[in-house]
Amino acid sequence: MLLSCFTGIAYSDICRLRKDQIISDPDKGMYIHLYRTKTNHPAFIPLLPQARKMVSLYIGKGESEYLFPTISNQKSNAYLKELADICHIRKRVTFHVARHINSSYPLKTKNLQRLSA
C-alpha cells in the first residue's frame, strides 16, 4: 500500500507489477513502466526516494516474476482497518485511498521543506 501512496498505482496494478517493469536509468533515475489494468494505457511512473527503497527491498527477493507477494484486496483492507483502529484513525482507510494520497503528498512535503528552510 505504501508504494501506492508514493506512485498512485491501483491495487490491481500493484498485484501484477513484475520485477522487469522496474526500469533504472542513469539519467532519469528509477521508474515503473506498465500498462494499466483498467485502461490498458501505458504508464511511466517515476519513483521518489522512499518508493525506490521499498522496491529495492523486493527486487532481488524470491523466485516469482512479480515484485510483491499479494493478498486479496479485501484482506488488505481488513488489515488497514485494524491498523487504523490501533492508531485511533477515525477515517475510513482502504487501499484505494492510497492512490489519492500521491497527488497531495508532494504538495505537503514541498510546503514542509519550504517551512523548514
PDB file of N, CA and C in Angstrom:
ATOM      1  N   MET A   1       0.815  -1.188   0.000  1.00  0.00           N
ATOM      2  CA  MET A   1       0.000   0.000   0.000  1.00  0.00           C
ATOM      3  C   MET A   1       0.860   1.253   0.000  1.00  0.00           C
ATOM      4  N   LEU A   2       1.960   1.235   0.711  1.00  0.00           N
ATOM      5  CA  LEU A   2       2.809   2.428   0.758  1.00  0.00           C
ATOM      6  C   LEU A   2       3.312   2.815  -0.626  1.00  0.00           C
ATOM      7  N   LEU A   3       3.637   1.824  -1.447  1.00  0.00           N
ATOM      8  CA  LEU A   3       4.085   2.146  -2.799  1.00  0.00           C
ATOM      9  C   LEU A   3       2.983   2.871  -3.557  1.00  0.00           C
ATOM     10  N   SER A   4       1.758   2.482  -3.343  1.00  0.00           N
ATOM     11  CA  SER A   4       0.637   3.156  -3.979  1.00  0.00           C
ATOM     12  C   SER A   4       0.520   4.602  -3.514  1.00  0.00           C
ATOM     13  N   CYS A   5       0.831   4.859  -2.254  1.00  0.00           N
ATOM     14  CA  CYS A   5       0.816   6.237  -1.745  1.00  0.00           C
ATOM     15  C   CYS A   5       1.826   7.111  -2.485  1.00  0.00           C
ATOM     16  N   PHE A   6       2.970   6.554  -2.820  1.00  0.00           N
ATOM     17  CA  PHE A   6       4.024   7.325  -3.472  1.00  0.00           C
ATOM     18  C   PHE A   6       3.922   7.338  -4.997  1.00  0.00           C
ATOM     19  N   THR A   7       3.115   6.445  -5.569  1.00  0.00           N
ATOM     20  CA  THR A   7       3.051   6.359  -7.032  1.00  0.00           C
ATOM     21  C   THR A   7       1.656   6.539  -7.617  1.00  0.00           C
ATOM     22  N   GLY A   8       0.623   6.278  -6.826  1.00  0.00           N
ATOM     23  CA  GLY A   8      -0.743   6.361  -7.339  1.00  0.00           C
ATOM     24  C   GLY A   8      -1.175   5.117  -8.092  1.00  0.00           C
ATOM     25  N   ILE A   9      -0.420   4.051  -7.968  1.00  0.00           N
ATOM     26  CA  ILE A   9      -0.748   2.810  -8.676  1.00  0.00           C
ATOM     27  C   ILE A   9      -1.889   2.095  -7.961  1.00  0.00           C
ATOM     28  N   ALA A  10      -2.846   1.603  -8.730  1.00  0.00           N
ATOM     29  CA  ALA A  10      -4.014   0.905  -8.193  1.00  0.00           C
ATOM     30  C   ALA A  10      -3.639  -0.490  -7.677  1.00  0.00           C
ATOM     31  N   TYR A  11      -4.502  -1.039  -6.825  1.00  0.00           N
ATOM     32  CA  TYR A  11      -4.291  -2.372  -6.258  1.00  0.00           C
ATOM     33  C   TYR A  11      -4.068  -3.411  -7.362  1.00  0.00           C
ATOM     34  N   SER A  12      -4.900  -3.390  -8.383  1.00  0.00           N
ATOM     35  CA  SER A  12      -4.787  -4.389  -9.453  1.00  0.00           C
ATOM     36  C   SER A  12      -3.449  -4.294 -10.176  1.00  0.00           C
ATOM     37  N   ASP A  13      -2.909  -3.087 -10.301  1.00  0.00           N
ATOM     38  CA  ASP A  13      -1.614  -2.919 -10.960  1.00  0.00           C
ATOM     39  C   ASP A  13      -0.459  -3.316 -10.033  1.00  0.00           C
ATOM     40  N   ILE A  14      -0.598  -3.043  -8.745  1.00  0.00           N
ATOM     41  CA  ILE A  14       0.425  -3.462  -7.773  1.00  0.00           C
ATOM     42  C   ILE A  14       0.532  -4.989  -7.765  1.00  0.00           C
ATOM     43  N   CYS A  15      -0.614  -5.674  -7.813  1.00  0.00           N
ATOM     44  CA  CYS A  15      -0.616  -7.143  -7.801  1.00  0.00           C
ATOM     45  C   CYS A  15       0.081  -7.723  -9.024  1.00  0.00           C
ATOM     46  N   ARG A  16      -0.033  -7.054 -10.149  1.00  0.00           N
ATOM     47  CA  ARG A  16       0.551  -7.544 -11.401  1.00  0.00           C
ATOM     48  C   ARG A  16       1.928  -6.964 -11.692  1.00  0.00           C
ATOM     49  N   LEU A  17       2.463  -6.140 -10.803  1.00  0.00           N
ATOM     50  CA  LEU A  17       3.742  -5.476 -11.033  1.00  0.00           C
ATOM     51  C   LEU A  17       4.874  -6.501 -11.032  1.00  0.00           C
ATOM     52  N   ARG A  18       5.541  -6.592 -12.178  1.00  0.00           N
ATOM     53  CA  ARG A  18       6.645  -7.540 -12.321  1.00  0.00           C
ATOM     54  C   ARG A  18       7.985  -6.836 -12.102  1.00  0.00           C
ATOM     55  N   LYS A  19       8.967  -7.620 -11.719  1.00  0.00           N
ATOM     56  CA  LYS A  19      10.303  -7.079 -11.469  1.00  0.00           C
ATOM     57  C   LYS A  19      10.891  -6.431 -12.718  1.00  0.00           C
ATOM     58  N   ASP A  20      10.582  -6.984 -13.881  1.00  0.00           N
ATOM     59  CA  ASP A  20      11.148  -6.420 -15.113  1.00  0.00           C
ATOM     60  C   ASP A  20      10.480  -5.101 -15.522  1.00  0.00           C
ATOM     61  N   GLN A  21       9.448  -4.690 -14.819  1.00  0.00           N
ATOM     62  CA  GLN A  21       8.794  -3.415 -15.105  1.00  0.00           C
ATOM     63  C   GLN A  21       9.422  -2.267 -14.320  1.00  0.00           C
ATOM     64  N   ILE A  22      10.391  -2.570 -13.481  1.00  0.00           N
ATOM     65  CA  ILE A  22      11.139  -1.547 -12.758  1.00  0.00           C
ATOM     66  C   ILE A  22      12.358  -1.217 -13.609  1.00  0.00           C
ATOM     67  N   ILE A  23      12.402  -0.002 -14.091  1.00  0.00           N
ATOM     68  CA  ILE A  23      13.451   0.424 -15.001  1.00  0.00           C
ATOM     69  C   ILE A  23      14.386   1.383 -14.277  1.00  0.00           C
ATOM     70  N   SER A  24      15.674   1.123 -14.405  1.00  0.00           N
ATOM     71  CA  SER A  24      16.665   2.006 -13.812  1.00  0.00           C
ATOM     72  C   SER A  24      17.415   2.684 -14.947  1.00  0.00           C
ATOM     73  N   ASP A  25      17.403   4.000 -14.945  1.00  0.00           N
ATOM     74  CA  ASP A  25      18.028   4.792 -15.991  1.00  0.00           C
ATOM     75  C   ASP A  25      18.998   5.770 -15.332  1.00  0.00           C
ATOM     76  N   PRO A  26      20.265   5.738 -15.716  1.00  0.00           N
ATOM     77  CA  PRO A  26      21.240   6.612 -15.050  1.00  0.00           C
ATOM     78  C   PRO A  26      20.881   8.103 -15.130  1.00  0.00           C
ATOM     79  N   ASP A  27      20.225   8.514 -16.196  1.00  0.00           N
ATOM     80  CA  ASP A  27      19.877   9.928 -16.356  1.00  0.00           C
ATOM     81  C   ASP A  27      18.585  10.305 -15.636  1.00  0.00           C
ATOM     82  N   LYS A  28      17.594   9.433 -15.696  1.00  0.00           N
ATOM     83  CA  LYS A  28      16.269   9.770 -15.177  1.00  0.00           C
ATOM     84  C   LYS A  28      15.948   9.110 -13.844  1.00  0.00           C
ATOM     85  N   GLY A  29      16.848   8.323 -13.301  1.00  0.00           N
ATOM     86  CA  GLY A  29      16.582   7.647 -12.041  1.00  0.00           C
ATOM     87  C   GLY A  29      15.877   6.327 -12.249  1.00  0.00           C
ATOM     88  N   MET A  30      14.947   6.028 -11.381  1.00  0.00           N
ATOM     89  CA  MET A  30      14.231   4.758 -11.419  1.00  0.00           C
ATOM     90  C   MET A  30      12.749   5.022 -11.637  1.00  0.00           C
ATOM     91  N   TYR A  31      12.125   4.204 -12.467  1.00  0.00           N
ATOM     92  CA  TYR A  31      10.702   4.373 -12.701  1.00  0.00           C
ATOM     93  C   TYR A  31      10.048   3.045 -13.034  1.00  0.00           C
ATOM     94  N   ILE A  32       8.728   3.053 -13.010  1.00  0.00           N
ATOM     95  CA  ILE A  32       7.932   1.870 -13.328  1.00  0.00           C
ATOM     96  C   ILE A  32       7.321   2.084 -14.703  1.00  0.00           C
ATOM     97  N   HIS A  33       7.431   1.076 -15.533  1.00  0.00           N
ATOM     98  CA  HIS A  33       6.786   1.101 -16.840  1.00  0.00           C
ATOM     99  C   HIS A  33       5.793  -0.053 -16.894  1.00  0.00           C
ATOM    100  N   LEU A  34       4.514   0.280 -16.993  1.00  0.00           N
ATOM    101  CA  LEU A  34       3.486  -0.758 -17.044  1.00  0.00           C
ATOM    102  C   LEU A  34       2.311  -0.290 -17.895  1.00  0.00           C
ATOM    103  N   TYR A  35       1.447  -1.232 -18.205  1.00  0.00           N
ATOM    104  CA  TYR A  35       0.177  -0.920 -18.863  1.00  0.00           C
ATOM    105  C   TYR A  35      -0.907  -1.088 -17.811  1.00  0.00           C
ATOM    106  N   ARG A  36      -1.676  -0.040 -17.593  1.00  0.00           N
ATOM    107  CA  ARG A  36      -2.707  -0.053 -16.551  1.00  0.00           C
ATOM    108  C   ARG A  36      -3.714  -1.165 -16.820  1.00  0.00           C
ATOM    109  N   THR A  37      -4.097  -1.870 -15.774  1.00  0.00           N
ATOM    110  CA  THR A  37      -5.040  -2.973 -15.883  1.00  0.00           C
ATOM    111  C   THR A  37      -6.396  -2.496 -16.383  1.00  0.00           C
ATOM    112  N   LYS A  38      -6.884  -1.422 -15.829  1.00  0.00           N
ATOM    113  CA  LYS A  38      -8.233  -0.944 -16.149  1.00  0.00           C
ATOM    114  C   LYS A  38      -8.346  -0.402 -17.568  1.00  0.00           C
ATOM    115  N   THR A  39      -7.343   0.367 -18.005  1.00  0.00           N
ATOM    116  CA  THR A  39      -7.450   1.064 -19.293  1.00  0.00           C
ATOM    117  C   THR A  39      -6.527   0.525 -20.375  1.00  0.00           C
ATOM    118  N   ASN A  40      -5.536  -0.263 -19.991  1.00  0.00           N
ATOM    119  CA  ASN A  40      -4.509  -0.776 -20.884  1.00  0.00           C
ATOM    120  C   ASN A  40      -3.652   0.345 -21.488  1.00  0.00           C
ATOM    121  N   HIS A  41      -3.648   1.504 -20.845  1.00  0.00           N
ATOM    122  CA  HIS A  41      -2.795   2.612 -21.282  1.00  0.00           C
ATOM    123  C   HIS A  41      -1.420   2.477 -20.633  1.00  0.00           C
ATOM    124  N   PRO A  42      -0.369   2.866 -21.377  1.00  0.00           N
ATOM    125  CA  PRO A  42       0.967   2.793 -20.780  1.00  0.00           C
ATOM    126  C   PRO A  42       1.136   3.845 -19.689  1.00  0.00           C
ATOM    127  N   ALA A  43       1.958   3.512 -18.715  1.00  0.00           N
ATOM    128  CA  ALA A  43       2.258   4.454 -17.639  1.00  0.00           C
ATOM    129  C   ALA A  43       3.752   4.386 -17.331  1.00  0.00           C
ATOM    130  N   PHE A  44       4.376   5.547 -17.262  1.00  0.00           N
ATOM    131  CA  PHE A  44       5.769   5.672 -16.840  1.00  0.00           C
ATOM    132  C   PHE A  44       5.737   6.465 -15.545  1.00  0.00           C
ATOM    133  N   ILE A  45       6.047   5.809 -14.456  1.00  0.00           N
ATOM    134  CA  ILE A  45       5.884   6.416 -13.140  1.00  0.00           C
ATOM    135  C   ILE A  45       7.252   6.555 -12.474  1.00  0.00           C
ATOM    136  N   PRO A  46       7.712   7.796 -12.296  1.00  0.00           N
ATOM    137  CA  PRO A  46       8.997   7.982 -11.605  1.00  0.00           C
ATOM    138  C   PRO A  46       8.875   7.606 -10.136  1.00  0.00           C
ATOM    139  N   LEU A  47       9.946   7.069  -9.591  1.00  0.00           N
ATOM    140  CA  LEU A  47       9.935   6.648  -8.195  1.00  0.00           C
ATOM    141  C   LEU A  47      10.661   7.670  -7.327  1.00  0.00           C
ATOM    142  N   LEU A  48       9.955   8.154  -6.315  1.00  0.00           N
ATOM    143  CA  LEU A  48      10.558   9.017  -5.314  1.00  0.00           C
ATOM    144  C   LEU A  48      11.538   8.184  -4.488  1.00  0.00           C
ATOM    145  N   PRO A  49      12.454   8.829  -3.771  1.00  0.00           N
ATOM    146  CA  PRO A  49      13.439   8.063  -2.986  1.00  0.00           C
ATOM    147  C   PRO A  49      12.809   7.029  -2.044  1.00  0.00           C
ATOM    148  N   GLN A  50      11.690   7.377  -1.407  1.00  0.00           N
ATOM    149  CA  GLN A  50      11.043   6.425  -0.495  1.00  0.00           C
ATOM    150  C   GLN A  50      10.555   5.196  -1.249  1.00  0.00           C
ATOM    151  N   ALA A  51       9.985   5.407  -2.429  1.00  0.00           N
ATOM    152  CA  ALA A  51       9.486   4.292  -3.240  1.00  0.00           C
ATOM    153  C   ALA A  51      10.651   3.443  -3.753  1.00  0.00           C
ATOM    154  N   ARG A  52      11.760   4.072  -4.102  1.00  0.00           N
ATOM    155  CA  ARG A  52      12.950   3.326  -4.543  1.00  0.00           C
ATOM    156  C   ARG A  52      13.422   2.369  -3.456  1.00  0.00           C
ATOM    157  N   LYS A  53      13.411   2.849  -2.215  1.00  0.00           N
ATOM    158  CA  LYS A  53      13.833   1.993  -1.107  1.00  0.00           C
ATOM    159  C   LYS A  53      12.925   0.775  -0.977  1.00  0.00           C
ATOM    160  N   MET A  54      11.610   1.005  -1.097  1.00  0.00           N
ATOM    161  CA  MET A  54      10.656  -0.111  -0.982  1.00  0.00           C
ATOM    162  C   MET A  54      10.878  -1.129  -2.089  1.00  0.00           C
ATOM    163  N   VAL A  55      11.017  -0.649  -3.315  1.00  0.00           N
ATOM    164  CA  VAL A  55      11.217  -1.537  -4.466  1.00  0.00           C
ATOM    165  C   VAL A  55      12.518  -2.307  -4.305  1.00  0.00           C
ATOM    166  N   SER A  56      13.564  -1.627  -3.844  1.00  0.00           N
ATOM    167  CA  SER A  56      14.874  -2.273  -3.678  1.00  0.00           C
ATOM    168  C   SER A  56      14.826  -3.438  -2.701  1.00  0.00           C
ATOM    169  N   LEU A  57      13.949  -3.361  -1.722  1.00  0.00           N
ATOM    170  CA  LEU A  57      13.825  -4.453  -0.753  1.00  0.00           C
ATOM    171  C   LEU A  57      13.278  -5.727  -1.383  1.00  0.00           C
ATOM    172  N   TYR A  58      12.501  -5.592  -2.449  1.00  0.00           N
ATOM    173  CA  TYR A  58      11.834  -6.748  -3.054  1.00  0.00           C
ATOM    174  C   TYR A  58      12.439  -7.190  -4.381  1.00  0.00           C
ATOM    175  N   ILE A  59      13.170  -6.330  -5.056  1.00  0.00           N
ATOM    176  CA  ILE A  59      13.603  -6.605  -6.424  1.00  0.00           C
ATOM    177  C   ILE A  59      14.448  -7.876  -6.537  1.00  0.00           C
ATOM    178  N   GLY A  60      15.312  -8.166  -5.580  1.00  0.00           N
ATOM    179  CA  GLY A  60      16.167  -9.344  -5.670  1.00  0.00           C
ATOM    180  C   GLY A  60      15.673 -10.529  -4.870  1.00  0.00           C
ATOM    181  N   LYS A  61      14.491 -10.418  -4.310  1.00  0.00           N
ATOM    182  CA  LYS A  61      13.975 -11.479  -3.427  1.00  0.00           C
ATOM    183  C   LYS A  61      13.040 -12.428  -4.172  1.00  0.00           C
ATOM    184  N   GLY A  62      13.054 -13.660  -3.747  1.00  0.00           N
ATOM    185  CA  GLY A  62      12.098 -14.651  -4.242  1.00  0.00           C
ATOM    186  C   GLY A  62      12.310 -15.053  -5.690  1.00  0.00           C
ATOM    187  N   GLU A  63      11.617 -16.079  -6.066  1.00  0.00           N
ATOM    188  CA  GLU A  63      11.742 -16.623  -7.417  1.00  0.00           C
ATOM    189  C   GLU A  63      10.614 -16.168  -8.332  1.00  0.00           C
ATOM    190  N   SER A  64       9.617 -15.521  -7.776  1.00  0.00           N
ATOM    191  CA  SER A  64       8.474 -15.088  -8.577  1.00  0.00           C
ATOM    192  C   SER A  64       8.864 -13.950  -9.505  1.00  0.00           C
ATOM    193  N   GLU A  65       8.192 -13.853 -10.637  1.00  0.00           N
ATOM    194  CA  GLU A  65       8.423 -12.738 -11.547  1.00  0.00           C
ATOM    195  C   GLU A  65       7.777 -11.450 -11.027  1.00  0.00           C
ATOM    196  N   TYR A  66       6.845 -11.613 -10.084  1.00  0.00           N
ATOM    197  CA  TYR A  66       6.145 -10.454  -9.534  1.00  0.00           C
ATOM    198  C   TYR A  66       6.966  -9.828  -8.412  1.00  0.00           C
ATOM    199  N   LEU A  67       6.857  -8.524  -8.290  1.00  0.00           N
ATOM    200  CA  LEU A  67       7.656  -7.800  -7.312  1.00  0.00           C
ATOM    201  C   LEU A  67       7.218  -8.084  -5.883  1.00  0.00           C
ATOM    202  N   PHE A  68       5.901  -8.045  -5.632  1.00  0.00           N
ATOM    203  CA  PHE A  68       5.388  -8.183  -4.273  1.00  0.00           C
ATOM    204  C   PHE A  68       4.561  -9.455  -4.103  1.00  0.00           C
ATOM    205  N   PRO A  69       4.659 -10.077  -2.931  1.00  0.00           N
ATOM    206  CA  PRO A  69       3.681 -11.122  -2.607  1.00  0.00           C
ATOM    207  C   PRO A  69       2.342 -10.423  -2.394  1.00  0.00           C
ATOM    208  N   THR A  70       1.272 -11.020  -2.823  1.00  0.00           N
ATOM    209  CA  THR A  70      -0.016 -10.327  -2.739  1.00  0.00           C
ATOM    210  C   THR A  70      -1.018 -11.086  -1.878  1.00  0.00           C
ATOM    211  N   ILE A  71      -1.910 -10.296  -1.312  1.00  0.00           N
ATOM    212  CA  ILE A  71      -3.065 -10.829  -0.617  1.00  0.00           C
ATOM    213  C   ILE A  71      -4.280 -10.187  -1.270  1.00  0.00           C
ATOM    214  N   SER A  72      -5.445 -10.681  -0.973  1.00  0.00           N
ATOM    215  CA  SER A  72      -6.646 -10.130  -1.605  1.00  0.00           C
ATOM    216  C   SER A  72      -6.863  -8.686  -1.148  1.00  0.00           C
ATOM    217  N   ASN A  73      -7.530  -7.928  -1.971  1.00  0.00           N
ATOM    218  CA  ASN A  73      -7.850  -6.540  -1.644  1.00  0.00           C
ATOM    219  C   ASN A  73      -8.697  -6.485  -0.375  1.00  0.00           C
ATOM    220  N   GLN A  74      -9.615  -7.421  -0.231  1.00  0.00           N
ATOM    221  CA  GLN A  74     -10.480  -7.475   0.950  1.00  0.00           C
ATOM    222  C   GLN A  74      -9.645  -7.687   2.220  1.00  0.00           C
ATOM    223  N   LYS A  75      -8.694  -8.601   2.178  1.00  0.00           N
ATOM    224  CA  LYS A  75      -7.842  -8.868   3.337  1.00  0.00           C
ATOM    225  C   LYS A  75      -6.941  -7.664   3.616  1.00  0.00           C
ATOM    226  N   SER A  76      -6.422  -7.062   2.570  1.00  0.00           N
ATOM    227  CA  SER A  76      -5.599  -5.867   2.712  1.00  0.00           C
ATOM    228  C   SER A  76      -6.374  -4.756   3.419  1.00  0.00           C
ATOM    229  N   ASN A  77      -7.596  -4.539   3.005  1.00  0.00           N
ATOM    230  CA  ASN A  77      -8.434  -3.506   3.625  1.00  0.00           C
ATOM    231  C   ASN A  77      -8.773  -3.849   5.075  1.00  0.00           C
ATOM    232  N   ALA A  78      -8.928  -5.130   5.365  1.00  0.00           N
ATOM    233  CA  ALA A  78      -9.192  -5.544   6.750  1.00  0.00           C
ATOM    234  C   ALA A  78      -7.988  -5.223   7.637  1.00  0.00           C
ATOM    235  N   TYR A  79      -6.783  -5.486   7.141  1.00  0.00           N
ATOM    236  CA  TYR A  79      -5.570  -5.144   7.894  1.00  0.00           C
ATOM    237  C   TYR A  79      -5.462  -3.635   8.093  1.00  0.00           C
ATOM    238  N   LEU A  80      -5.779  -2.873   7.046  1.00  0.00           N
ATOM    239  CA  LEU A  80      -5.719  -1.415   7.153  1.00  0.00           C
ATOM    240  C   LEU A  80      -6.716  -0.892   8.190  1.00  0.00           C
ATOM    241  N   LYS A  81      -7.889  -1.487   8.220  1.00  0.00           N
ATOM    242  CA  LYS A  81      -8.902  -1.081   9.207  1.00  0.00           C
ATOM    243  C   LYS A  81      -8.392  -1.365  10.619  1.00  0.00           C
ATOM    244  N   GLU A  82      -7.768  -2.516  10.781  1.00  0.00           N
ATOM    245  CA  GLU A  82      -7.224  -2.878  12.092  1.00  0.00           C
ATOM    246  C   GLU A  82      -6.123  -1.897  12.518  1.00  0.00           C
ATOM    247  N   LEU A  83      -5.238  -1.558  11.578  1.00  0.00           N
ATOM    248  CA  LEU A  83      -4.183  -0.585  11.884  1.00  0.00           C
ATOM    249  C   LEU A  83      -4.759   0.791  12.202  1.00  0.00           C
ATOM    250  N   ALA A  84      -5.778   1.197  11.457  1.00  0.00           N
ATOM    251  CA  ALA A  84      -6.424   2.487  11.713  1.00  0.00           C
ATOM    252  C   ALA A  84      -7.034   2.502  13.115  1.00  0.00           C
ATOM    253  N   ASP A  85      -7.660   1.412  13.516  1.00  0.00           N
ATOM    254  CA  ASP A  85      -8.236   1.317  14.863  1.00  0.00           C
ATOM    255  C   ASP A  85      -7.150   1.444  15.929  1.00  0.00           C
ATOM    256  N   ILE A  86      -6.039   0.753  15.735  1.00  0.00           N
ATOM    257  CA  ILE A  86      -4.934   0.805  16.693  1.00  0.00           C
ATOM    258  C   ILE A  86      -4.387   2.229  16.811  1.00  0.00           C
ATOM    259  N   CYS A  87      -4.329   2.924  15.684  1.00  0.00           N
ATOM    260  CA  CYS A  87      -3.780   4.294  15.653  1.00  0.00           C
ATOM    261  C   CYS A  87      -4.837   5.360  15.930  1.00  0.00           C
ATOM    262  N   HIS A  88      -6.045   4.940  16.253  1.00  0.00           N
ATOM    263  CA  HIS A  88      -7.149   5.853  16.551  1.00  0.00           C
ATOM    264  C   HIS A  88      -7.471   6.775  15.373  1.00  0.00           C
ATOM    265  N   ILE A  89      -7.380   6.229  14.185  1.00  0.00           N
ATOM    266  CA  ILE A  89      -7.757   6.967  12.976  1.00  0.00           C
ATOM    267  C   ILE A  89      -9.233   6.709  12.736  1.00  0.00           C
ATOM    268  N   ARG A  90      -9.989   7.756  12.669  1.00  0.00           N
ATOM    269  CA  ARG A  90     -11.443   7.635  12.556  1.00  0.00           C
ATOM    270  C   ARG A  90     -11.934   7.600  11.110  1.00  0.00           C
ATOM    271  N   LYS A  91     -11.085   7.984  10.165  1.00  0.00           N
ATOM    272  CA  LYS A  91     -11.490   7.974   8.759  1.00  0.00           C
ATOM    273  C   LYS A  91     -11.459   6.555   8.213  1.00  0.00           C
ATOM    274  N   ARG A  92     -12.247   6.341   7.175  1.00  0.00           N
ATOM    275  CA  ARG A  92     -12.256   5.031   6.512  1.00  0.00           C
ATOM    276  C   ARG A  92     -10.987   4.919   5.664  1.00  0.00           C
ATOM    277  N   VAL A  93     -10.185   3.906   5.934  1.00  0.00           N
ATOM    278  CA  VAL A  93      -8.926   3.714   5.232  1.00  0.00           C
ATOM    279  C   VAL A  93      -9.020   2.447   4.393  1.00  0.00           C
ATOM    280  N   THR A  94      -8.756   2.576   3.098  1.00  0.00           N
ATOM    281  CA  THR A  94      -8.736   1.431   2.192  1.00  0.00           C
ATOM    282  C   THR A  94      -7.529   1.555   1.279  1.00  0.00           C
ATOM    283  N   PHE A  95      -7.218   0.488   0.584  1.00  0.00           N
ATOM    284  CA  PHE A  95      -6.104   0.523  -0.357  1.00  0.00           C
ATOM    285  C   PHE A  95      -6.358   1.583  -1.424  1.00  0.00           C
ATOM    286  N   HIS A  96      -7.593   1.721  -1.838  1.00  0.00           N
ATOM    287  CA  HIS A  96      -7.922   2.685  -2.887  1.00  0.00           C
ATOM    288  C   HIS A  96      -7.607   4.120  -2.459  1.00  0.00           C
ATOM    289  N   VAL A  97      -7.749   4.412  -1.180  1.00  0.00           N
ATOM    290  CA  VAL A  97      -7.449   5.749  -0.659  1.00  0.00           C
ATOM    291  C   VAL A  97      -5.986   6.104  -0.927  1.00  0.00           C
ATOM    292  N   ALA A  98      -5.106   5.117  -0.894  1.00  0.00           N
ATOM    293  CA  ALA A  98      -3.676   5.356  -1.104  1.00  0.00           C
ATOM    294  C   ALA A  98      -3.403   5.982  -2.471  1.00  0.00           C
ATOM    295  N   ARG A  99      -4.184   5.630  -3.459  1.00  0.00           N
ATOM    296  CA  ARG A  99      -3.980   6.195  -4.801  1.00  0.00           C
ATOM    297  C   ARG A  99      -4.150   7.700  -4.806  1.00  0.00           C
ATOM    298  N   HIS A 100      -5.009   8.200  -3.957  1.00  0.00           N
ATOM    299  CA  HIS A 100      -5.312   9.628  -3.967  1.00  0.00           C
ATOM    300  C   HIS A 100      -4.346  10.427  -3.096  1.00  0.00           C
ATOM    301  N   ILE A 101      -3.633   9.749  -2.243  1.00  0.00           N
ATOM    302  CA  ILE A 101      -2.666  10.427  -1.379  1.00  0.00           C
ATOM    303  C   ILE A 101      -1.500  10.956  -2.205  1.00  0.00           C
ATOM    304  N   ASN A 102      -1.128  10.235  -3.269  1.00  0.00           N
ATOM    305  CA  ASN A 102       0.074  10.607  -4.006  1.00  0.00           C
ATOM    306  C   ASN A 102      -0.014  11.984  -4.640  1.00  0.00           C
ATOM    307  N   SER A 103      -1.203  12.495  -4.905  1.00  0.00           N
ATOM    308  CA  SER A 103      -1.295  13.822  -5.508  1.00  0.00           C
ATOM    309  C   SER A 103      -1.118  14.922  -4.471  1.00  0.00           C
ATOM    310  N   SER A 104      -1.477  14.674  -3.229  1.00  0.00           N
ATOM    311  CA  SER A 104      -1.330  15.703  -2.205  1.00  0.00           C
ATOM    312  C   SER A 104      -0.001  15.596  -1.459  1.00  0.00           C
ATOM    313  N   TYR A 105       0.620  14.416  -1.445  1.00  0.00           N
ATOM    314  CA  TYR A 105       1.863  14.229  -0.701  1.00  0.00           C
ATOM    315  C   TYR A 105       2.978  15.174  -1.153  1.00  0.00           C
ATOM    316  N   PRO A 106       3.272  15.258  -2.469  1.00  0.00           N
ATOM    317  CA  PRO A 106       4.350  16.169  -2.882  1.00  0.00           C
ATOM    318  C   PRO A 106       4.062  17.627  -2.496  1.00  0.00           C
ATOM    319  N   LEU A 107       2.816  18.024  -2.552  1.00  0.00           N
ATOM    320  CA  LEU A 107       2.475  19.390  -2.171  1.00  0.00           C
ATOM    321  C   LEU A 107       2.749  19.618  -0.694  1.00  0.00           C
ATOM    322  N   LYS A 108       2.375  18.646   0.135  1.00  0.00           N
ATOM    323  CA  LYS A 108       2.589  18.781   1.574  1.00  0.00           C
ATOM    324  C   LYS A 108       4.076  18.788   1.913  1.00  0.00           C
ATOM    325  N   THR A 109       4.845  17.873   1.309  1.00  0.00           N
ATOM    326  CA  THR A 109       6.269  17.815   1.636  1.00  0.00           C
ATOM    327  C   THR A 109       6.996  19.039   1.106  1.00  0.00           C
ATOM    328  N   LYS A 110       6.591  19.550  -0.033  1.00  0.00           N
ATOM    329  CA  LYS A 110       7.222  20.761  -0.564  1.00  0.00           C
ATOM    330  C   LYS A 110       6.969  21.929   0.393  1.00  0.00           C
ATOM    331  N   ASN A 111       5.753  22.037   0.920  1.00  0.00           N
ATOM    332  CA  ASN A 111       5.447  23.083   1.882  1.00  0.00           C
ATOM    333  C   ASN A 111       6.244  22.892   3.162  1.00  0.00           C
ATOM    334  N   LEU A 112       6.416  21.648   3.618  1.00  0.00           N
ATOM    335  CA  LEU A 112       7.182  21.391   4.821  1.00  0.00           C
ATOM    336  C   LEU A 112       8.656  21.748   4.610  1.00  0.00           C
ATOM    337  N   GLN A 113       9.172  21.423   3.433  1.00  0.00           N
ATOM    338  CA  GLN A 113      10.565  21.750   3.146  1.00  0.00           C
ATOM    339  C   GLN A 113      10.769  23.265   3.123  1.00  0.00           C
ATOM    340  N   ARG A 114       9.816  23.972   2.554  1.00  0.00           N
ATOM    341  CA  ARG A 114       9.922  25.424   2.477  1.00  0.00           C
ATOM    342  C   ARG A 114       9.848  26.032   3.877  1.00  0.00           C
ATOM    343  N   LEU A 115       8.976  25.481   4.730  1.00  0.00           N
ATOM    344  CA  LEU A 115       8.836  25.999   6.081  1.00  0.00           C
ATOM    345  C   LEU A 115      10.072  25.748   6.935  1.00  0.00           C
ATOM    346  N   SER A 116      10.759  24.637   6.674  1.00  0.00           N
ATOM    347  CA  SER A 116      11.922  24.296   7.482  1.00  0.00           C
ATOM    348  C   SER A 116      13.192  25.013   7.015  1.00  0.00           C
ATOM    349  N   ALA A 117      13.140  25.633   5.872  1.00  0.00           N
ATOM    350  CA  ALA A 117      14.344  26.313   5.331  1.00  0.00           C
ATOM    351  C   ALA A 117      14.574  27.656   5.982  1.00  0.00           C
TER     352      ALA A 117
END
